[in-house]
Protein backbone atom coordinates (compact mmCIF):
# COMPACT_ATOMS: atom_id res chain seq x y z
CA MET A 1 17.16 8.42 19.39
CA GLU A 2 16.61 5.28 17.35
CA SER A 3 12.84 5.65 17.31
CA GLY A 4 12.95 8.67 14.97
CA PRO A 5 13.82 6.72 11.82
CA ALA A 6 11.35 3.97 12.76
CA ILE A 7 8.55 6.51 13.12
CA PHE A 8 9.41 8.10 9.78
CA ALA A 9 9.70 4.77 7.96
CA GLY A 10 6.50 3.46 9.55
CA ALA A 11 4.59 6.59 8.57
CA ALA A 12 5.93 6.50 5.01
CA PHE A 13 5.14 2.81 4.50
CA ALA A 14 1.70 3.06 6.12
CA LEU A 15 0.78 6.18 4.14
CA PHE A 16 1.91 4.67 0.84
CA GLY A 17 0.14 1.38 1.53
CA ALA A 18 -3.11 3.07 2.49
CA ALA A 19 -2.96 5.40 -0.51
CA LEU A 20 -2.29 2.48 -2.86
CA LEU A 21 -5.28 0.57 -1.46
CA VAL A 22 -7.56 3.61 -1.78
CA TRP A 23 -6.36 4.30 -5.32
CA THR A 24 -6.82 0.66 -6.34
CA GLY A 25 -10.28 0.60 -4.81
CA ALA A 26 -11.27 3.78 -6.63
CA ARG A 27 -10.03 2.39 -9.95
CA VAL A 28 -11.95 -0.86 -9.40
CA LEU A 29 -15.17 0.97 -8.45
CA HIS A 30 -14.98 3.09 -11.60
CA ARG A 31 -14.14 0.01 -13.67
CA ALA A 32 -10.95 1.70 -14.87
CA PRO A 33 -7.80 -0.30 -15.53
CA VAL A 34 -5.37 -0.52 -12.63
CA ALA A 35 -2.45 -1.27 -14.99
CA HIS A 36 -2.52 -0.99 -18.76
CA GLY A 37 -1.64 -4.06 -20.75
CA VAL A 38 -2.16 -6.49 -17.87
CA SER A 39 -5.10 -8.72 -17.02
CA PRO A 40 -7.51 -6.85 -14.71
CA ALA A 41 -7.59 -9.66 -12.16
CA THR A 42 -3.80 -9.83 -12.05
CA SER A 43 -3.31 -6.08 -11.72
CA ILE A 44 -5.95 -5.75 -8.99
CA THR A 45 -4.50 -8.67 -7.06
CA LEU A 46 -0.90 -7.45 -7.27
CA ALA A 47 -1.79 -3.85 -6.41
CA ALA A 48 -3.89 -4.94 -3.44
CA LEU A 49 -1.14 -7.29 -2.24
CA ALA A 50 1.44 -4.52 -2.50
CA GLY A 51 -0.82 -2.09 -0.62
CA VAL A 52 -1.49 -4.56 2.18
CA SER A 53 2.22 -5.44 2.36
CA PHE A 54 3.30 -1.81 2.68
CA LEU A 55 0.58 -1.14 5.25
CA ALA A 56 1.67 -4.17 7.28
CA LEU A 57 5.30 -3.09 7.05
CA GLY A 58 4.35 0.36 8.33
CA VAL A 59 2.46 -1.14 11.27
CA TRP A 60 5.42 -3.42 11.99
CA CYS A 61 7.77 -0.40 12.04
CA PHE A 62 5.46 1.37 14.49
CA GLY A 63 5.41 -1.74 16.65
CA ARG A 64 9.20 -1.70 16.95
CA ILE A 65 9.23 1.72 18.65
């Protein structure tokens, strides 16, 4: 019974993290700004860190099943 919420949370975190990494990668490849009004290096770094963090959190939730 308790694995249902863990599966849902893991899927949501992993999907968001993966999508954020893909979106950030696409913006970088097209040399488009990731965040307006922020240094490109800072915005790429923070977006990539957030994507990896959410992906890791999703994997951790799946590991707790």
